[in-house]
N, C-alpha and C. Protein backbone atom coordinates (compact mmCIF):
# COMPACT_ATOMS: atom_id res chain seq x y z
N MET A 1 0.97 -1.31 -0.08
CA MET A 1 -0.02 0.01 0.09
C MET A 1 0.72 1.28 0.21
N ILE A 2 2.04 1.15 0.35
CA ILE A 2 3.04 2.31 0.47
C ILE A 2 3.05 3.22 -0.94
N PRO A 3 3.33 2.63 -2.04
CA PRO A 3 3.40 3.24 -3.29
C PRO A 3 1.96 3.85 -3.56
N PHE A 4 0.69 3.34 -3.27
CA PHE A 4 -0.23 4.00 -3.54
C PHE A 4 -0.65 5.16 -2.76
N PHE A 5 -0.21 4.85 -1.32
CA PHE A 5 -0.29 6.17 -0.44
C PHE A 5 0.56 7.46 -0.83
N LEU A 6 1.65 6.92 -0.94
CA LEU A 6 2.79 7.94 -1.37
C LEU A 6 2.25 8.73 -2.81
N ALA A 7 1.66 7.96 -3.72
CA ALA A 7 1.35 8.48 -5.07
C ALA A 7 0.16 9.56 -4.74
N LEU A 8 -0.74 9.43 -3.84
CA LEU A 8 -1.92 10.26 -3.23
C LEU A 8 -1.45 11.34 -2.63
N LEU A 9 -0.44 11.07 -1.56
CA LEU A 9 0.36 12.28 -1.20
C LEU A 9 0.60 13.03 -2.27
N SER A 10 1.41 12.59 -3.07
CA SER A 10 1.98 13.54 -4.02
C SER A 10 1.25 14.27 -4.95
N LYS A 11 -0.12 13.70 -5.08
CA LYS A 11 -1.16 14.50 -5.62
C LYS A 11 -1.86 15.25 -4.89
N HIS A 12 -1.55 15.40 -3.49
CA HIS A 12 -2.32 16.58 -2.34
C HIS A 12 -4.01 15.74 -2.39
N ARG A 13 -3.78 14.13 -2.24
CA ARG A 13 -4.98 13.82 -2.41
C ARG A 13 -5.06 13.37 -0.91
N TYR A 14 -5.18 14.24 0.33
CA TYR A 14 -5.07 13.88 1.53
C TYR A 14 -6.14 12.98 2.00
N THR A 15 -7.35 13.14 1.85
CA THR A 15 -8.57 12.23 2.29
C THR A 15 -8.15 10.97 1.74
N TYR A 16 -7.90 10.64 0.60
CA TYR A 16 -7.87 9.15 0.28
C TYR A 16 -6.46 8.69 0.63
N ALA A 17 -5.36 9.55 1.02
CA ALA A 17 -4.08 8.94 1.43
C ALA A 17 -4.59 8.32 3.04
N LEU A 18 -5.41 9.20 3.19
CA LEU A 18 -5.70 8.86 4.91
C LEU A 18 -6.43 7.71 4.91
N TYR A 19 -7.32 7.41 3.83
CA TYR A 19 -7.99 6.37 4.06
C TYR A 19 -6.87 4.85 3.63
N ILE A 20 -6.25 5.15 2.69
CA ILE A 20 -5.11 4.14 2.45
C ILE A 20 -4.28 3.89 3.68
N PHE A 21 -3.82 4.85 4.24
CA PHE A 21 -2.74 4.70 5.60
C PHE A 21 -3.57 4.04 6.61
N ALA A 22 -4.94 4.53 6.88
CA ALA A 22 -5.77 3.84 8.09
C ALA A 22 -6.04 2.23 7.53
N VAL A 23 -6.23 1.98 6.41
CA VAL A 23 -6.69 0.67 5.80
C VAL A 23 -5.32 -0.23 6.24
N GLY A 24 -4.13 0.41 5.77
CA GLY A 24 -2.65 -0.39 5.88
C GLY A 24 -2.48 -0.72 7.33
N ALA A 25 -2.87 0.49 8.22
CA ALA A 25 -2.68 -0.03 9.67
C ALA A 25 -3.65 -0.90 10.19
N LEU A 26 -4.33 -0.60 9.91
CA LEU A 26 -5.66 -1.59 10.31
C LEU A 26 -5.29 -3.29 9.85
N THR A 27 -4.89 -3.37 8.53
CA THR A 27 -4.64 -4.65 7.91
C THR A 27 -3.40 -5.31 8.48
N ASP A 28 -2.20 -4.38 9.16
CA ASP A 28 -1.07 -4.57 9.83
C ASP A 28 -1.68 -5.01 11.14
N GLY A 29 -2.28 -4.30 11.87
CA GLY A 29 -2.71 -4.76 13.09
C GLY A 29 -3.36 -6.39 13.11
N LEU A 30 -4.13 -6.46 12.24
CA LEU A 30 -4.99 -7.74 12.19
C LEU A 30 -4.00 -8.40 11.65
N ASP A 31 -3.10 -8.36 10.87
CA ASP A 31 -2.18 -9.44 10.37
C ASP A 31 -1.52 -10.10 11.75
N GLY A 32 -0.87 -9.20 12.43
CA GLY A 32 -0.32 -9.55 13.69
C GLY A 32 -1.38 -10.28 14.49
N ALA A 33 -2.19 -9.92 14.95
CA ALA A 33 -3.40 -10.81 15.67
C ALA A 33 -3.59 -11.98 15.22
N VAL A 34 -4.03 -11.89 14.23
CA VAL A 34 -3.96 -13.52 13.47
C VAL A 34 -3.09 -14.43 13.64
N ALA A 35 -1.80 -13.99 13.41
CA ALA A 35 -0.73 -14.91 13.08
C ALA A 35 -0.40 -15.16 14.98
N ARG A 36 -0.66 -14.11 15.76
CA ARG A 36 -0.86 -14.77 17.26
C ARG A 36 -1.86 -15.48 18.09
N TRP A 37 -3.12 -15.33 17.44
CA TRP A 37 -3.97 -16.03 17.46
C TRP A 37 -4.25 -17.50 17.11
N PHE A 38 -3.57 -17.72 16.01
CA PHE A 38 -3.56 -18.67 15.23
C PHE A 38 -2.05 -19.68 15.20
N ASP A 39 -1.01 -18.83 16.33
CA ASP A 39 0.10 -19.57 16.44
C ASP A 39 1.08 -19.63 14.92
N MET A 40 0.57 -18.56 14.19
CA MET A 40 1.39 -18.78 12.70
C MET A 40 2.56 -17.62 12.57
N ARG A 41 3.17 -17.50 13.70
CA ARG A 41 4.48 -16.56 13.47
C ARG A 41 5.47 -17.25 12.98
N THR A 42 6.31 -16.42 12.18
CA THR A 42 7.35 -17.16 11.45
C THR A 42 8.54 -16.00 11.70
N GLU A 43 9.62 -16.66 11.65
CA GLU A 43 11.04 -15.82 11.67
C GLU A 43 10.89 -14.76 10.98
N ILE A 44 10.88 -14.84 9.46
CA ILE A 44 10.59 -13.92 8.51
C ILE A 44 9.62 -12.84 8.78
N GLY A 45 8.42 -13.32 9.35
CA GLY A 45 7.65 -12.05 9.38
C GLY A 45 7.78 -11.36 10.71
N ALA A 46 8.75 -11.71 11.63
CA ALA A 46 9.13 -11.30 12.92
C ALA A 46 10.01 -9.78 12.26
N TYR A 47 10.87 -10.18 11.14
CA TYR A 47 11.86 -9.09 10.69
C TYR A 47 10.98 -8.28 9.79
N LEU A 48 10.00 -8.85 8.66
CA LEU A 48 9.46 -7.96 7.72
C LEU A 48 8.32 -7.12 8.03
N ASP A 49 7.46 -7.57 9.12
CA ASP A 49 6.55 -6.78 9.90
C ASP A 49 6.77 -5.32 10.16
N PRO A 50 7.99 -5.41 11.14
CA PRO A 50 8.52 -4.26 11.51
C PRO A 50 8.98 -3.50 10.53
N PHE A 51 9.67 -4.00 9.65
CA PHE A 51 10.38 -3.11 8.57
C PHE A 51 9.45 -2.52 7.69
N ALA A 52 8.27 -3.14 7.20
CA ALA A 52 7.14 -2.70 6.46
C ALA A 52 6.62 -1.64 7.23
N ASP A 53 6.55 -1.59 8.47
CA ASP A 53 5.76 -0.59 9.38
C ASP A 53 6.64 0.68 9.46
N LYS A 54 8.18 0.43 9.62
CA LYS A 54 8.77 1.60 9.45
C LYS A 54 8.92 2.33 8.01
N LEU A 55 9.15 1.32 7.01
CA LEU A 55 8.83 2.18 5.80
C LEU A 55 7.89 2.93 5.58
N LEU A 56 6.58 2.35 5.91
CA LEU A 56 5.32 3.07 5.72
C LEU A 56 5.50 4.46 6.82
N LEU A 57 5.86 4.25 8.18
CA LEU A 57 5.90 5.91 8.75
C LEU A 57 6.66 6.65 8.50
N VAL A 58 8.12 5.76 8.14
CA VAL A 58 9.29 6.86 7.56
C VAL A 58 8.81 7.61 6.59
N SER A 59 8.35 6.91 5.49
CA SER A 59 8.10 7.58 4.24
C SER A 59 7.02 8.80 4.61
N ALA A 60 5.74 8.26 5.13
CA ALA A 60 4.84 9.16 5.66
C ALA A 60 5.43 10.33 6.27
N PHE A 61 6.21 10.15 7.11
CA PHE A 61 6.91 11.33 8.06
C PHE A 61 7.73 12.17 6.97
N VAL A 62 8.52 11.49 6.14
CA VAL A 62 9.42 12.33 5.22
C VAL A 62 8.60 13.26 4.28
N VAL A 63 7.69 12.78 3.58
CA VAL A 63 6.84 13.54 2.78
C VAL A 63 5.70 14.49 3.32
N LEU A 64 5.25 14.25 4.66
CA LEU A 64 4.64 15.03 5.33
C LEU A 64 5.56 16.34 5.87
N THR A 65 6.71 16.29 6.42
CA THR A 65 7.37 17.00 6.55
C THR A 65 7.95 18.09 5.56
N ILE A 66 8.24 17.51 4.49
CA ILE A 66 8.36 18.40 3.14
C ILE A 66 7.36 18.92 2.88
N GLU A 67 5.99 18.69 2.95
CA GLU A 67 4.75 19.37 2.95
C GLU A 67 4.60 20.36 3.93
N ASN A 68 5.42 20.27 4.99
CA ASN A 68 5.12 21.32 6.05
C ASN A 68 4.03 20.75 6.92
N SER A 69 3.47 19.49 6.98
CA SER A 69 2.56 19.23 7.94
C SER A 69 3.24 18.58 9.26
N PHE A 70 4.50 18.60 9.21
CA PHE A 70 5.42 17.94 10.54
C PHE A 70 6.43 18.88 10.64
N PRO A 71 6.66 19.49 12.18
CA PRO A 71 7.98 20.12 12.28
C PRO A 71 9.16 19.00 11.86
N ALA A 72 10.28 19.63 11.41
CA ALA A 72 11.73 18.90 10.75
C ALA A 72 12.13 18.44 12.44
N TRP A 73 11.97 18.59 13.24
CA TRP A 73 12.69 18.47 14.86
C TRP A 73 11.81 17.19 14.98
N LEU A 74 10.72 16.78 14.64
CA LEU A 74 10.05 15.84 14.95
C LEU A 74 10.29 14.44 13.88
N LEU A 75 10.37 15.02 12.54
CA LEU A 75 11.30 13.75 11.62
C LEU A 75 12.37 13.62 12.04
N GLY A 76 13.15 14.44 12.73
CA GLY A 76 14.64 14.20 13.01
C GLY A 76 14.61 13.01 14.13
N VAL A 77 13.85 13.34 15.11
CA VAL A 77 13.72 12.21 16.33
C VAL A 77 13.27 11.10 15.75
N VAL A 78 12.23 10.68 15.20
CA VAL A 78 11.54 9.47 14.63
C VAL A 78 12.97 8.82 13.41
N LEU A 79 13.55 9.85 12.76
CA LEU A 79 14.70 8.71 12.03
C LEU A 79 15.72 8.49 12.78
N ILE A 80 16.64 9.13 13.95
CA ILE A 80 17.21 9.15 14.80
C ILE A 80 17.06 7.83 15.44
N ARG A 81 15.69 7.91 16.17
CA ARG A 81 15.31 6.58 16.86
C ARG A 81 15.36 5.26 15.88
N ASP A 82 14.93 5.48 14.61
CA ASP A 82 14.79 4.33 13.51
C ASP A 82 16.28 3.72 13.47
N ILE A 83 17.06 4.62 12.96
CA ILE A 83 18.59 4.48 12.67
C ILE A 83 19.22 3.84 13.90
N VAL A 84 19.19 4.56 15.05
CA VAL A 84 20.15 3.81 16.04
C VAL A 84 19.53 2.28 16.31
N ILE A 85 18.24 1.85 16.21
CA ILE A 85 17.81 0.74 16.46
C ILE A 85 18.19 -0.30 15.22
N VAL A 86 18.15 0.02 14.21
CA VAL A 86 18.39 -1.09 13.34
C VAL A 86 20.06 -0.72 12.99
N PHE A 87 20.56 0.33 13.06
CA PHE A 87 22.28 0.14 13.32
C PHE A 87 22.79 -0.64 14.29
N GLY A 88 22.22 -0.48 15.33
CA GLY A 88 22.65 -0.91 16.70
C GLY A 88 22.54 -2.84 16.58
N TYR A 89 21.22 -3.00 16.26
CA TYR A 89 20.84 -4.60 15.72
C TYR A 89 22.01 -5.25 14.96
N PHE A 90 22.30 -4.26 13.65
CA PHE A 90 23.30 -5.08 13.13
C PHE A 90 24.66 -5.04 13.53
N MET A 91 25.36 -3.78 14.22
CA MET A 91 26.47 -4.12 14.92
C MET A 91 26.16 -5.23 16.05
N PHE A 92 25.48 -5.31 16.75
CA PHE A 92 25.28 -6.00 17.41
C PHE A 92 25.54 -7.73 17.33
N ALA A 93 25.01 -7.73 15.93
CA ALA A 93 25.11 -8.96 15.48
C ALA A 93 26.39 -9.23 14.88
N PHE A 94 26.92 -8.27 14.09
CA PHE A 94 28.37 -8.24 13.53
C PHE A 94 29.33 -8.64 14.53
N PHE A 95 29.35 -7.69 15.68
CA PHE A 95 30.44 -8.15 16.56
C PHE A 95 30.07 -9.20 17.83
N THR A 96 28.92 -9.70 17.68
CA THR A 96 28.97 -10.90 18.72
C THR A 96 28.37 -12.26 17.67
N GLY A 97 28.14 -12.22 16.69
CA GLY A 97 27.84 -13.51 16.05
C GLY A 97 26.42 -13.92 16.35
N GLU A 98 25.78 -13.34 16.77
CA GLU A 98 24.24 -13.48 17.54
C GLU A 98 23.46 -12.61 17.03
N ARG A 99 22.31 -13.13 16.64
CA ARG A 99 21.09 -12.37 16.55
C ARG A 99 20.57 -11.58 17.57
N PRO A 100 20.42 -10.52 18.24
CA PRO A 100 20.11 -10.04 19.23
C PRO A 100 18.48 -10.26 18.93
N PRO A 101 18.04 -10.53 20.44
CA PRO A 101 16.51 -10.73 20.53
C PRO A 101 15.70 -9.32 19.85
N MET A 102 14.58 -9.51 19.12
CA MET A 102 13.74 -8.31 18.71
C MET A 102 12.46 -8.49 19.52
N HIS A 103 12.21 -7.88 20.54
CA HIS A 103 11.17 -7.76 21.23
C HIS A 103 10.44 -6.17 21.53
N PRO A 104 9.39 -5.97 20.91
CA PRO A 104 9.09 -4.57 21.23
C PRO A 104 8.54 -4.26 22.65
N THR A 105 8.99 -3.06 23.27
CA THR A 105 8.30 -2.77 24.79
C THR A 105 7.06 -2.25 24.49
N TYR A 106 6.68 -2.07 25.61
CA TYR A 106 5.23 -0.99 25.60
C TYR A 106 5.55 0.18 25.22
N LEU A 107 6.58 0.61 25.61
CA LEU A 107 7.18 2.04 25.17
C LEU A 107 7.56 2.22 23.76
N GLY A 108 7.73 1.25 22.97
CA GLY A 108 8.00 1.16 21.58
C GLY A 108 6.78 1.09 20.99
N LYS A 109 6.17 0.24 21.46
CA LYS A 109 4.70 0.25 20.79
C LYS A 109 3.85 1.57 21.10
N ALA A 110 4.14 2.32 22.46
CA ALA A 110 3.19 3.53 22.43
C ALA A 110 3.88 4.41 21.52
N SER A 111 5.05 4.63 21.31
CA SER A 111 5.69 5.19 20.09
C SER A 111 5.37 5.30 19.03
N THR A 112 5.27 4.08 18.50
CA THR A 112 4.50 3.52 17.19
C THR A 112 3.38 3.95 17.10
N PHE A 113 2.67 3.82 17.94
CA PHE A 113 0.93 4.27 17.88
C PHE A 113 0.95 5.83 18.01
N LEU A 114 1.72 6.37 18.71
CA LEU A 114 1.52 7.88 18.59
C LEU A 114 2.09 8.52 17.16
N GLN A 115 3.05 7.97 16.59
CA GLN A 115 3.24 8.31 15.14
C GLN A 115 2.42 7.81 14.28
N LEU A 116 1.72 6.76 14.30
CA LEU A 116 0.44 6.53 13.45
C LEU A 116 -0.54 7.74 13.85
N LEU A 117 -0.80 7.85 14.76
CA LEU A 117 -1.96 9.00 15.25
C LEU A 117 -1.27 10.46 14.67
N CYS A 118 -0.12 10.98 14.60
CA CYS A 118 0.45 11.96 13.76
C CYS A 118 0.02 12.08 12.46
N VAL A 119 0.30 11.01 11.83
CA VAL A 119 0.36 10.39 10.46
C VAL A 119 -1.31 10.82 10.05
N ILE A 120 -2.04 10.28 10.70
CA ILE A 120 -3.47 10.39 10.54
C ILE A 120 -3.95 11.89 10.60
N GLY A 121 -3.15 12.59 11.94
CA GLY A 121 -3.84 13.75 12.16
C GLY A 121 -3.28 14.71 11.16
N ALA A 122 -2.24 14.57 10.63
CA ALA A 122 -1.71 15.37 9.49
C ALA A 122 -2.61 15.23 8.38
N LEU A 123 -2.64 13.96 7.96
CA LEU A 123 -3.49 13.97 6.76
C LEU A 123 -5.11 14.34 7.07
N ALA A 124 -5.58 14.18 8.20
CA ALA A 124 -6.73 14.75 8.62
C ALA A 124 -6.93 16.41 8.25
N ARG A 125 -5.86 17.02 9.30
CA ARG A 125 -5.75 18.31 8.94
C ARG A 125 -5.70 19.06 7.70
N ALA A 126 -4.61 18.04 6.86
CA ALA A 126 -4.43 18.83 5.43
C ALA A 126 -5.69 18.41 4.73
N GLY A 127 -6.61 17.73 4.80
CA GLY A 127 -7.80 17.24 4.28
C GLY A 127 -9.04 18.00 4.97
N ARG A 128 -8.57 18.86 5.75
CA ARG A 128 -9.71 19.70 6.44
C ARG A 128 -11.00 18.65 7.18
N ILE A 129 -10.54 17.55 7.51
CA ILE A 129 -11.42 16.56 8.12
C ILE A 129 -11.93 17.02 9.37
N TYR A 130 -10.68 17.05 10.55
CA TYR A 130 -11.00 16.94 11.57
C TYR A 130 -10.11 18.04 12.60
N PRO A 131 -10.23 18.79 13.22
CA PRO A 131 -9.27 19.80 14.10
C PRO A 131 -9.04 18.83 15.54
N PHE A 132 -7.87 19.00 16.06
CA PHE A 132 -7.82 18.63 17.53
C PHE A 132 -6.24 19.04 17.77
N CYS A 133 -5.99 18.58 19.22
CA CYS A 133 -4.83 19.39 19.97
C CYS A 133 -3.89 18.91 19.14
N TRP A 134 -3.22 19.46 18.21
CA TRP A 134 -2.17 19.08 17.50
C TRP A 134 -0.85 19.30 17.92
N SER A 135 -0.70 20.62 18.63
CA SER A 135 0.74 20.51 19.24
C SER A 135 0.80 19.83 20.31
N GLY A 136 -0.24 19.37 21.25
CA GLY A 136 -0.13 18.42 22.17
C GLY A 136 0.40 17.10 21.81
N LEU A 137 -0.39 16.66 20.73
CA LEU A 137 0.02 15.50 20.09
C LEU A 137 1.42 15.10 19.54
N LEU A 138 2.17 16.43 19.16
CA LEU A 138 3.48 16.38 18.42
C LEU A 138 4.26 16.39 19.51
N TYR A 139 4.45 17.06 21.03
CA TYR A 139 5.18 17.05 21.76
C TYR A 139 5.13 15.70 22.58
N LEU A 140 3.88 15.05 22.70
CA LEU A 140 3.86 13.79 23.23
C LEU A 140 4.59 12.83 22.44
N THR A 141 4.54 12.76 21.07
CA THR A 141 4.81 11.93 20.38
C THR A 141 6.46 11.97 20.14
N LEU A 142 6.77 13.08 20.64
CA LEU A 142 8.33 13.64 20.71
C LEU A 142 9.12 12.71 21.85
N ALA A 143 8.32 13.03 23.06
CA ALA A 143 8.63 12.52 24.24
C ALA A 143 8.87 11.13 24.21
N VAL A 144 7.82 10.30 23.94
CA VAL A 144 7.74 8.98 24.01
C VAL A 144 8.56 8.46 23.07
N THR A 145 8.77 9.08 21.71
CA THR A 145 9.47 8.61 20.68
C THR A 145 10.93 8.42 21.18
N ALA A 146 11.39 9.55 21.67
CA ALA A 146 12.75 9.83 22.46
C ALA A 146 12.93 8.92 23.52
N SER A 147 11.95 8.51 24.33
CA SER A 147 12.28 7.82 25.34
C SER A 147 12.18 6.32 25.02
N ALA A 148 11.50 5.92 24.22
CA ALA A 148 11.39 4.60 23.34
C ALA A 148 12.94 4.16 23.12
N GLY A 149 13.50 5.29 22.32
CA GLY A 149 14.96 5.36 21.43
C GLY A 149 16.00 4.85 22.73
N LEU A 150 15.80 5.70 23.72
CA LEU A 150 16.94 5.57 24.85
C LEU A 150 16.58 4.20 25.65
N HIS A 151 15.11 3.90 25.72
CA HIS A 151 15.14 2.75 26.16
C HIS A 151 15.77 1.42 25.68
N TYR A 152 15.55 1.62 24.29
CA TYR A 152 15.81 0.43 23.10
C TYR A 152 17.62 0.38 23.22
N ALA A 153 18.03 1.74 23.44
CA ALA A 153 19.63 1.47 23.33
C ALA A 153 20.39 1.19 24.76
N TYR A 154 19.61 1.24 25.78
CA TYR A 154 19.76 0.51 27.11
C TYR A 154 19.51 -0.83 27.13
N GLN A 155 18.63 -1.35 26.46
CA GLN A 155 18.53 -2.98 26.47
C GLN A 155 19.51 -3.36 25.74
N GLY A 156 19.95 -2.71 24.74
CA GLY A 156 20.67 -3.25 23.53
C GLY A 156 22.33 -3.37 24.44
N LEU A 157 22.75 -2.36 25.02
CA LEU A 157 23.61 -2.29 25.47
C LEU A 157 23.82 -3.29 26.84
N ARG A 158 22.59 -3.14 27.41
CA ARG A 158 22.84 -4.40 28.54
C ARG A 158 23.01 -5.73 28.00
N TRP A 159 22.13 -5.87 26.68
CA TRP A 159 22.24 -7.30 26.28
C TRP A 159 23.71 -7.53 25.80
N LEU A 160 24.48 -6.33 25.16
CA LEU A 160 25.66 -6.48 24.79
C LEU A 160 26.59 -6.83 25.79
N SER A 161 26.39 -6.26 27.02
CA SER A 161 27.53 -6.55 28.24
C SER A 161 27.76 -7.92 28.53
N THR A 162 26.46 -8.52 28.21
CA THR A 162 26.45 -10.03 28.69
C THR A 162 26.98 -10.74 27.75
N ARG A 163 27.56 -10.22 26.60
CA ARG A 163 28.43 -11.13 25.25
C ARG A 163 29.93 -10.70 25.15
N GLU A 164 30.31 -11.73 24.82
CA GLU A 164 31.87 -11.48 24.52
C GLU A 164 31.85 -11.25 22.75
N PRO A 165 32.50 -10.33 22.40
CA PRO A 165 32.38 -9.72 21.05
C PRO A 165 33.50 -11.29 20.32
N ALA A 166 32.56 -11.47 19.02
CA ALA A 166 33.34 -12.65 18.22
C ALA A 166 34.75 -12.15 17.79
N MET A 167 34.85 -11.29 17.63
CA MET A 167 35.97 -10.92 17.10
C MET A 167 37.45 -11.20 18.15
N PHE A 168 37.02 -11.32 19.50
CA PHE A 168 37.96 -11.49 20.37
C PHE A 168 38.16 -13.05 20.89
N GLU A 169 37.23 -13.84 20.09
CA GLU A 169 37.45 -15.18 20.95
C GLU A 169 38.47 -15.76 20.20
């Protein structure tokens, strides 16, 4: 759905982009619930699902920041958090020779939820659908996203401290 979403954004069809984004977010949640409910989780799904989520969110944040729907500082925090998480994961895997466990935290889930809400809010505002407390949402998303990033970094460093780097073995 990402290409359709971005195409609609590029044509300034915010209401339709909102519908596509909402359908994408709902089907993603439904997919995860069905996988857990029927115990159909796979290792590839554990990697691809968060990657697809991040691709959708980051592409939305970049385009909506370019369109002046988001302040650049919020995009910066979202990008830094995601880069630190992904880069940290690959660095840990490289230096330890192990794949670190990938377990989202409640703070991480709250951060993703608030980012989704920000995108929905920005699209709704651009499409003149629904006004609400925009500044409060942006600052709350900033705080939770930054906190989640710091928490993931802390967890990663704690996990790494229990391992011996593979290059020293």
